[in-house]
Amino acid sequence: MESYEGTNAIERAWREGLKPDPLLTVSEWADRYRVLSQRASSEPGRWRTERTPYLREIMDRLSPSSATTPRAAAFANLALAPRR
């Protein structure tokens, strides 16, 4: 098999893509990855759930690992359905 320049980097990237995403709650994900822009926020920079502690439970209930079933979307669909 012939080797090409960059083969190792491509193989490494491919293997990284096979790793499952880490199991994070929505609030953990936001603290790690979410960044607020200067145009959209009075406090630009990294998101900190500690600044809005009342959102933590709501965010975490929407996490894939949560045992809670989100019912708001189903209710909204019923409320917006045309009546006969």
PDB file of N, CA and C in Angstrom:
ATOM      1  N   MET A   1       0.845  -1.180   0.000  1.00  0.00           N
ATOM      2  CA  MET A   1       0.000   0.000   0.000  1.00  0.00           C
ATOM      3  C   MET A   1       0.887   1.239   0.000  1.00  0.00           C
ATOM      4  N   GLU A   2       0.569   2.158  -0.860  1.00  0.00           N
ATOM      5  CA  GLU A   2       1.353   3.378  -1.002  1.00  0.00           C
ATOM      6  C   GLU A   2       0.974   4.382   0.080  1.00  0.00           C
ATOM      7  N   SER A   3       1.970   5.064   0.636  1.00  0.00           N
ATOM      8  CA  SER A   3       1.721   6.058   1.676  1.00  0.00           C
ATOM      9  C   SER A   3       1.774   7.459   1.072  1.00  0.00           C
ATOM     10  N   TYR A   4       0.846   8.303   1.473  1.00  0.00           N
ATOM     11  CA  TYR A   4       0.776   9.674   0.983  1.00  0.00           C
ATOM     12  C   TYR A   4       1.047  10.642   2.119  1.00  0.00           C
ATOM     13  N   GLU A   5       1.482  11.838   1.747  1.00  0.00           N
ATOM     14  CA  GLU A   5       1.704  12.879   2.753  1.00  0.00           C
ATOM     15  C   GLU A   5       0.363  13.236   3.398  1.00  0.00           C
ATOM     16  N   GLY A   6       0.328  13.246   4.683  1.00  0.00           N
ATOM     17  CA  GLY A   6      -0.903  13.585   5.394  1.00  0.00           C
ATOM     18  C   GLY A   6      -1.765  12.383   5.740  1.00  0.00           C
ATOM     19  N   THR A   7      -1.351  11.189   5.348  1.00  0.00           N
ATOM     20  CA  THR A   7      -2.139   9.987   5.630  1.00  0.00           C
ATOM     21  C   THR A   7      -2.366   9.806   7.126  1.00  0.00           C
ATOM     22  N   ASN A   8      -1.323  10.013   7.907  1.00  0.00           N
ATOM     23  CA  ASN A   8      -1.456   9.836   9.360  1.00  0.00           C
ATOM     24  C   ASN A   8      -2.435  10.836   9.954  1.00  0.00           C
ATOM     25  N   ALA A   9      -2.392  12.076   9.483  1.00  0.00           N
ATOM     26  CA  ALA A   9      -3.318  13.099   9.999  1.00  0.00           C
ATOM     27  C   ALA A   9      -4.751  12.760   9.634  1.00  0.00           C
ATOM     28  N   ILE A  10      -4.965  12.265   8.430  1.00  0.00           N
ATOM     29  CA  ILE A  10      -6.319  11.884   8.009  1.00  0.00           C
ATOM     30  C   ILE A  10      -6.818  10.710   8.841  1.00  0.00           C
ATOM     31  N   GLU A  11      -5.962   9.720   9.051  1.00  0.00           N
ATOM     32  CA  GLU A  11      -6.364   8.561   9.849  1.00  0.00           C
ATOM     33  C   GLU A  11      -6.670   8.954  11.290  1.00  0.00           C
ATOM     34  N   ARG A  12      -5.860   9.841  11.868  1.00  0.00           N
ATOM     35  CA  ARG A  12      -6.084  10.311  13.243  1.00  0.00           C
ATOM     36  C   ARG A  12      -7.410  11.058  13.345  1.00  0.00           C
ATOM     37  N   ALA A  13      -7.688  11.933  12.356  1.00  0.00           N
ATOM     38  CA  ALA A  13      -8.954  12.689  12.357  1.00  0.00           C
ATOM     39  C   ALA A  13     -10.145  11.744  12.208  1.00  0.00           C
ATOM     40  N   TRP A  14      -9.996  10.740  11.368  1.00  0.00           N
ATOM     41  CA  TRP A  14     -11.072   9.767  11.170  1.00  0.00           C
ATOM     42  C   TRP A  14     -11.357   9.019  12.467  1.00  0.00           C
ATOM     43  N   ARG A  15     -10.295   8.593  13.156  1.00  0.00           N
ATOM     44  CA  ARG A  15     -10.470   7.884  14.427  1.00  0.00           C
ATOM     45  C   ARG A  15     -11.095   8.784  15.493  1.00  0.00           C
ATOM     46  N   GLU A  16     -10.714  10.054  15.523  1.00  0.00           N
ATOM     47  CA  GLU A  16     -11.318  10.997  16.476  1.00  0.00           C
ATOM     48  C   GLU A  16     -12.817  11.126  16.225  1.00  0.00           C
ATOM     49  N   GLY A  17     -13.196  11.100  14.941  1.00  0.00           N
ATOM     50  CA  GLY A  17     -14.609  11.215  14.584  1.00  0.00           C
ATOM     51  C   GLY A  17     -15.436  10.019  15.014  1.00  0.00           C
ATOM     52  N   LEU A  18     -14.801   8.901  15.250  1.00  0.00           N
ATOM     53  CA  LEU A  18     -15.509   7.696  15.687  1.00  0.00           C
ATOM     54  C   LEU A  18     -15.789   7.676  17.183  1.00  0.00           C
ATOM     55  N   LYS A  19     -15.099   8.538  17.934  1.00  0.00           N
ATOM     56  CA  LYS A  19     -15.314   8.563  19.385  1.00  0.00           C
ATOM     57  C   LYS A  19     -16.697   9.131  19.682  1.00  0.00           C
ATOM     58  N   PRO A  20     -17.414   8.536  20.606  1.00  0.00           N
ATOM     59  CA  PRO A  20     -18.736   9.086  20.960  1.00  0.00           C
ATOM     60  C   PRO A  20     -18.591  10.429  21.671  1.00  0.00           C
ATOM     61  N   ASP A  21     -19.599  11.256  21.513  1.00  0.00           N
ATOM     62  CA  ASP A  21     -19.613  12.538  22.215  1.00  0.00           C
ATOM     63  C   ASP A  21     -19.648  12.285  23.714  1.00  0.00           C
ATOM     64  N   PRO A  22     -19.030  13.163  24.488  1.00  0.00           N
ATOM     65  CA  PRO A  22     -19.094  12.989  25.942  1.00  0.00           C
ATOM     66  C   PRO A  22     -20.524  13.192  26.439  1.00  0.00           C
ATOM     67  N   LEU A  23     -20.896  12.446  27.476  1.00  0.00           N
ATOM     68  CA  LEU A  23     -22.231  12.594  28.051  1.00  0.00           C
ATOM     69  C   LEU A  23     -22.241  13.818  28.954  1.00  0.00           C
ATOM     70  N   LEU A  24     -22.765  14.909  28.439  1.00  0.00           N
ATOM     71  CA  LEU A  24     -22.851  16.158  29.183  1.00  0.00           C
ATOM     72  C   LEU A  24     -24.306  16.562  29.308  1.00  0.00           C
ATOM     73  N   THR A  25     -24.635  17.201  30.406  1.00  0.00           N
ATOM     74  CA  THR A  25     -25.955  17.808  30.503  1.00  0.00           C
ATOM     75  C   THR A  25     -25.927  19.073  29.659  1.00  0.00           C
ATOM     76  N   VAL A  26     -27.090  19.631  29.386  1.00  0.00           N
ATOM     77  CA  VAL A  26     -27.145  20.856  28.588  1.00  0.00           C
ATOM     78  C   VAL A  26     -26.387  21.979  29.287  1.00  0.00           C
ATOM     79  N   SER A  27     -26.508  22.096  30.604  1.00  0.00           N
ATOM     80  CA  SER A  27     -25.802  23.174  31.307  1.00  0.00           C
ATOM     81  C   SER A  27     -24.292  22.955  31.270  1.00  0.00           C
ATOM     82  N   GLU A  28     -23.837  21.704  31.378  1.00  0.00           N
ATOM     83  CA  GLU A  28     -22.402  21.415  31.277  1.00  0.00           C
ATOM     84  C   GLU A  28     -21.882  21.750  29.882  1.00  0.00           C
ATOM     85  N   TRP A  29     -22.665  21.384  28.858  1.00  0.00           N
ATOM     86  CA  TRP A  29     -22.266  21.685  27.488  1.00  0.00           C
ATOM     87  C   TRP A  29     -22.164  23.201  27.294  1.00  0.00           C
ATOM     88  N   ALA A  30     -23.160  23.933  27.781  1.00  0.00           N
ATOM     89  CA  ALA A  30     -23.161  25.392  27.626  1.00  0.00           C
ATOM     90  C   ALA A  30     -21.955  26.011  28.325  1.00  0.00           C
ATOM     91  N   ASP A  31     -21.655  25.559  29.529  1.00  0.00           N
ATOM     92  CA  ASP A  31     -20.503  26.095  30.252  1.00  0.00           C
ATOM     93  C   ASP A  31     -19.197  25.801  29.511  1.00  0.00           C
ATOM     94  N   ARG A  32     -19.146  24.703  28.817  1.00  0.00           N
ATOM     95  CA  ARG A  32     -17.914  24.315  28.128  1.00  0.00           C
ATOM     96  C   ARG A  32     -17.768  24.961  26.748  1.00  0.00           C
ATOM     97  N   TYR A  33     -18.875  25.072  25.986  1.00  0.00           N
ATOM     98  CA  TYR A  33     -18.762  25.457  24.577  1.00  0.00           C
ATOM     99  C   TYR A  33     -19.461  26.765  24.182  1.00  0.00           C
ATOM    100  N   ARG A  34     -20.466  27.208  24.918  1.00  0.00           N
ATOM    101  CA  ARG A  34     -21.258  28.361  24.485  1.00  0.00           C
ATOM    102  C   ARG A  34     -20.503  29.661  24.716  1.00  0.00           C
ATOM    103  N   VAL A  35     -20.517  30.530  23.704  1.00  0.00           N
ATOM    104  CA  VAL A  35     -19.876  31.843  23.789  1.00  0.00           C
ATOM    105  C   VAL A  35     -20.898  32.881  23.330  1.00  0.00           C
ATOM    106  N   LEU A  36     -21.084  33.916  24.128  1.00  0.00           N
ATOM    107  CA  LEU A  36     -22.021  34.985  23.814  1.00  0.00           C
ATOM    108  C   LEU A  36     -21.293  36.093  23.070  1.00  0.00           C
ATOM    109  N   SER A  37     -21.892  36.558  21.978  1.00  0.00           N
ATOM    110  CA  SER A  37     -21.259  37.600  21.168  1.00  0.00           C
ATOM    111  C   SER A  37     -21.451  38.976  21.794  1.00  0.00           C
ATOM    112  N   GLN A  38     -20.645  39.921  21.375  1.00  0.00           N
ATOM    113  CA  GLN A  38     -20.763  41.290  21.880  1.00  0.00           C
ATOM    114  C   GLN A  38     -22.046  41.942  21.389  1.00  0.00           C
ATOM    115  N   ARG A  39     -22.501  41.569  20.208  1.00  0.00           N
ATOM    116  CA  ARG A  39     -23.723  42.159  19.650  1.00  0.00           C
ATOM    117  C   ARG A  39     -24.980  41.627  20.322  1.00  0.00           C
ATOM    118  N   ALA A  40     -24.956  40.384  20.760  1.00  0.00           N
ATOM    119  CA  ALA A  40     -26.169  39.744  21.276  1.00  0.00           C
ATOM    120  C   ALA A  40     -26.244  39.698  22.794  1.00  0.00           C
ATOM    121  N   SER A  41     -25.213  40.188  23.478  1.00  0.00           N
ATOM    122  CA  SER A  41     -25.207  40.032  24.925  1.00  0.00           C
ATOM    123  C   SER A  41     -24.632  41.258  25.619  1.00  0.00           C
ATOM    124  N   SER A  42     -25.196  41.566  26.762  1.00  0.00           N
ATOM    125  CA  SER A  42     -24.624  42.643  27.579  1.00  0.00           C
ATOM    126  C   SER A  42     -23.397  42.145  28.337  1.00  0.00           C
ATOM    127  N   GLU A  43     -23.230  40.820  28.406  1.00  0.00           N
ATOM    128  CA  GLU A  43     -22.052  40.205  29.032  1.00  0.00           C
ATOM    129  C   GLU A  43     -21.426  39.237  28.044  1.00  0.00           C
ATOM    130  N   PRO A  44     -20.687  39.745  27.045  1.00  0.00           N
ATOM    131  CA  PRO A  44     -20.091  38.852  26.052  1.00  0.00           C
ATOM    132  C   PRO A  44     -19.017  37.958  26.661  1.00  0.00           C
ATOM    133  N   GLY A  45     -18.771  36.872  25.971  1.00  0.00           N
ATOM    134  CA  GLY A  45     -17.758  35.925  26.423  1.00  0.00           C
ATOM    135  C   GLY A  45     -18.367  34.568  26.708  1.00  0.00           C
ATOM    136  N   ARG A  46     -17.656  33.783  27.479  1.00  0.00           N
ATOM    137  CA  ARG A  46     -18.112  32.426  27.786  1.00  0.00           C
ATOM    138  C   ARG A  46     -19.386  32.450  28.617  1.00  0.00           C
ATOM    139  N   TRP A  47     -20.286  31.548  28.281  1.00  0.00           N
ATOM    140  CA  TRP A  47     -21.523  31.368  29.050  1.00  0.00           C
ATOM    141  C   TRP A  47     -21.181  30.784  30.409  1.00  0.00           C
ATOM    142  N   ARG A  48     -21.853  31.280  31.440  1.00  0.00           N
ATOM    143  CA  ARG A  48     -21.686  30.731  32.791  1.00  0.00           C
ATOM    144  C   ARG A  48     -23.069  30.496  33.378  1.00  0.00           C
ATOM    145  N   THR A  49     -23.409  29.254  33.557  1.00  0.00           N
ATOM    146  CA  THR A  49     -24.721  28.921  34.108  1.00  0.00           C
ATOM    147  C   THR A  49     -24.870  29.482  35.520  1.00  0.00           C
ATOM    148  N   GLU A  50     -23.784  29.660  36.220  1.00  0.00           N
ATOM    149  CA  GLU A  50     -23.847  30.218  37.581  1.00  0.00           C
ATOM    150  C   GLU A  50     -24.453  31.623  37.587  1.00  0.00           C
ATOM    151  N   ARG A  51     -24.414  32.329  36.452  1.00  0.00           N
ATOM    152  CA  ARG A  51     -25.017  33.669  36.370  1.00  0.00           C
ATOM    153  C   ARG A  51     -26.532  33.586  36.254  1.00  0.00           C
ATOM    154  N   THR A  52     -27.041  32.436  35.803  1.00  0.00           N
ATOM    155  CA  THR A  52     -28.482  32.223  35.671  1.00  0.00           C
ATOM    156  C   THR A  52     -28.844  30.879  36.304  1.00  0.00           C
ATOM    157  N   PRO A  53     -28.683  30.750  37.616  1.00  0.00           N
ATOM    158  CA  PRO A  53     -28.889  29.450  38.266  1.00  0.00           C
ATOM    159  C   PRO A  53     -30.313  28.911  38.113  1.00  0.00           C
ATOM    160  N   TYR A  54     -31.282  29.795  37.904  1.00  0.00           N
ATOM    161  CA  TYR A  54     -32.664  29.357  37.734  1.00  0.00           C
ATOM    162  C   TYR A  54     -32.857  28.605  36.416  1.00  0.00           C
ATOM    163  N   LEU A  55     -31.916  28.702  35.474  1.00  0.00           N
ATOM    164  CA  LEU A  55     -32.017  27.976  34.209  1.00  0.00           C
ATOM    165  C   LEU A  55     -31.407  26.583  34.260  1.00  0.00           C
ATOM    166  N   ARG A  56     -30.565  26.320  35.256  1.00  0.00           N
ATOM    167  CA  ARG A  56     -29.843  25.043  35.299  1.00  0.00           C
ATOM    168  C   ARG A  56     -30.797  23.849  35.257  1.00  0.00           C
ATOM    169  N   GLU A  57     -31.803  23.830  36.108  1.00  0.00           N
ATOM    170  CA  GLU A  57     -32.705  22.678  36.143  1.00  0.00           C
ATOM    171  C   GLU A  57     -33.453  22.522  34.824  1.00  0.00           C
ATOM    172  N   ILE A  58     -33.909  23.634  34.249  1.00  0.00           N
ATOM    173  CA  ILE A  58     -34.620  23.577  32.969  1.00  0.00           C
ATOM    174  C   ILE A  58     -33.698  23.002  31.890  1.00  0.00           C
ATOM    175  N   MET A  59     -32.471  23.525  31.821  1.00  0.00           N
ATOM    176  CA  MET A  59     -31.513  23.057  30.825  1.00  0.00           C
ATOM    177  C   MET A  59     -31.220  21.572  31.010  1.00  0.00           C
ATOM    178  N   ASP A  60     -31.002  21.164  32.245  1.00  0.00           N
ATOM    179  CA  ASP A  60     -30.641  19.773  32.502  1.00  0.00           C
ATOM    180  C   ASP A  60     -31.803  18.816  32.267  1.00  0.00           C
ATOM    181  N   ARG A  61     -33.024  19.271  32.452  1.00  0.00           N
ATOM    182  CA  ARG A  61     -34.184  18.418  32.169  1.00  0.00           C
ATOM    183  C   ARG A  61     -34.312  18.145  30.672  1.00  0.00           C
ATOM    184  N   LEU A  62     -33.715  19.005  29.835  1.00  0.00           N
ATOM    185  CA  LEU A  62     -33.744  18.813  28.389  1.00  0.00           C
ATOM    186  C   LEU A  62     -32.558  17.990  27.894  1.00  0.00           C
ATOM    187  N   SER A  63     -31.714  17.544  28.810  1.00  0.00           N
ATOM    188  CA  SER A  63     -30.541  16.760  28.450  1.00  0.00           C
ATOM    189  C   SER A  63     -30.943  15.350  28.039  1.00  0.00           C
ATOM    190  N   PRO A  64     -30.189  14.741  27.112  1.00  0.00           N
ATOM    191  CA  PRO A  64     -30.506  13.370  26.703  1.00  0.00           C
ATOM    192  C   PRO A  64     -30.484  12.374  27.856  1.00  0.00           C
ATOM    193  N   SER A  65     -29.676  12.629  28.871  1.00  0.00           N
ATOM    194  CA  SER A  65     -29.574  11.699  29.996  1.00  0.00           C
ATOM    195  C   SER A  65     -30.686  11.888  31.030  1.00  0.00           C
ATOM    196  N   SER A  66     -31.512  12.900  30.862  1.00  0.00           N
ATOM    197  CA  SER A  66     -32.577  13.170  31.822  1.00  0.00           C
ATOM    198  C   SER A  66     -33.714  12.161  31.658  1.00  0.00           C
ATOM    199  N   ALA A  67     -34.285  11.751  32.769  1.00  0.00           N
ATOM    200  CA  ALA A  67     -35.422  10.830  32.731  1.00  0.00           C
ATOM    201  C   ALA A  67     -36.731  11.563  32.472  1.00  0.00           C
ATOM    202  N   THR A  68     -36.691  12.895  32.516  1.00  0.00           N
ATOM    203  CA  THR A  68     -37.883  13.705  32.290  1.00  0.00           C
ATOM    204  C   THR A  68     -38.223  13.737  30.810  1.00  0.00           C
ATOM    205  N   THR A  69     -39.492  13.578  30.485  1.00  0.00           N
ATOM    206  CA  THR A  69     -39.937  13.671  29.101  1.00  0.00           C
ATOM    207  C   THR A  69     -40.362  15.098  28.806  1.00  0.00           C
ATOM    208  N   PRO A  70     -39.732  15.758  27.841  1.00  0.00           N
ATOM    209  CA  PRO A  70     -40.163  17.123  27.517  1.00  0.00           C
ATOM    210  C   PRO A  70     -41.567  17.111  26.923  1.00  0.00           C
ATOM    211  N   ARG A  71     -42.490  17.755  27.572  1.00  0.00           N
ATOM    212  CA  ARG A  71     -43.881  17.765  27.127  1.00  0.00           C
ATOM    213  C   ARG A  71     -44.288  19.087  26.505  1.00  0.00           C
ATOM    214  N   ALA A  72     -43.477  20.117  26.666  1.00  0.00           N
ATOM    215  CA  ALA A  72     -43.843  21.439  26.164  1.00  0.00           C
ATOM    216  C   ALA A  72     -44.014  21.426  24.652  1.00  0.00           C
ATOM    217  N   ALA A  73     -43.146  20.745  23.928  1.00  0.00           N
ATOM    218  CA  ALA A  73     -43.234  20.718  22.473  1.00  0.00           C
ATOM    219  C   ALA A  73     -44.508  20.010  22.033  1.00  0.00           C
ATOM    220  N   ALA A  74     -44.857  18.911  22.684  1.00  0.00           N
ATOM    221  CA  ALA A  74     -46.072  18.189  22.333  1.00  0.00           C
ATOM    222  C   ALA A  74     -47.297  19.046  22.624  1.00  0.00           C
ATOM    223  N   PHE A  75     -47.281  19.750  23.750  1.00  0.00           N
ATOM    224  CA  PHE A  75     -48.392  20.620  24.093  1.00  0.00           C
ATOM    225  C   PHE A  75     -48.518  21.747  23.076  1.00  0.00           C
ATOM    226  N   ALA A  76     -47.398  22.329  22.673  1.00  0.00           N
ATOM    227  CA  ALA A  76     -47.419  23.417  21.686  1.00  0.00           C
ATOM    228  C   ALA A  76     -47.991  22.922  20.373  1.00  0.00           C
ATOM    229  N   ASN A  77     -47.647  21.707  19.963  1.00  0.00           N
ATOM    230  CA  ASN A  77     -48.180  21.174  18.726  1.00  0.00           C
ATOM    231  C   ASN A  77     -49.686  20.994  18.811  1.00  0.00           C
ATOM    232  N   LEU A  78     -50.196  20.540  19.949  1.00  0.00           N
ATOM    233  CA  LEU A  78     -51.634  20.375  20.121  1.00  0.00           C
ATOM    234  C   LEU A  78     -52.337  21.733  20.130  1.00  0.00           C
ATOM    235  N   ALA A  79     -51.713  22.720  20.771  1.00  0.00           N
ATOM    236  CA  ALA A  79     -52.319  24.042  20.869  1.00  0.00           C
ATOM    237  C   ALA A  79     -52.397  24.723  19.524  1.00  0.00           C
ATOM    238  N   LEU A  80     -51.435  24.450  18.650  1.00  0.00           N
ATOM    239  CA  LEU A  80     -51.384  25.116  17.351  1.00  0.00           C
ATOM    240  C   LEU A  80     -52.086  24.329  16.245  1.00  0.00           C
ATOM    241  N   ALA A  81     -52.535  23.124  16.558  1.00  0.00           N
ATOM    242  CA  ALA A  81     -53.191  22.297  15.539  1.00  0.00           C
ATOM    243  C   ALA A  81     -54.516  22.935  15.135  1.00  0.00           C
ATOM    244  N   PRO A  82     -54.841  22.879  13.836  1.00  0.00           N
ATOM    245  CA  PRO A  82     -56.123  23.446  13.401  1.00  0.00           C
ATOM    246  C   PRO A  82     -57.285  22.660  13.985  1.00  0.00           C
ATOM    247  N   ARG A  83     -58.303  23.365  14.382  1.00  0.00           N
ATOM    248  CA  ARG A  83     -59.494  22.716  14.970  1.00  0.00           C
ATOM    249  C   ARG A  83     -60.500  22.415  13.867  1.00  0.00           C
ATOM    250  N   ARG A  84     -61.216  21.331  14.054  1.00  0.00           N
ATOM    251  CA  ARG A  84     -62.223  20.934  13.050  1.00  0.00           C
ATOM    252  C   ARG A  84     -63.595  21.220  13.546  1.00  0.00           C
TER     253      ARG A  84
END
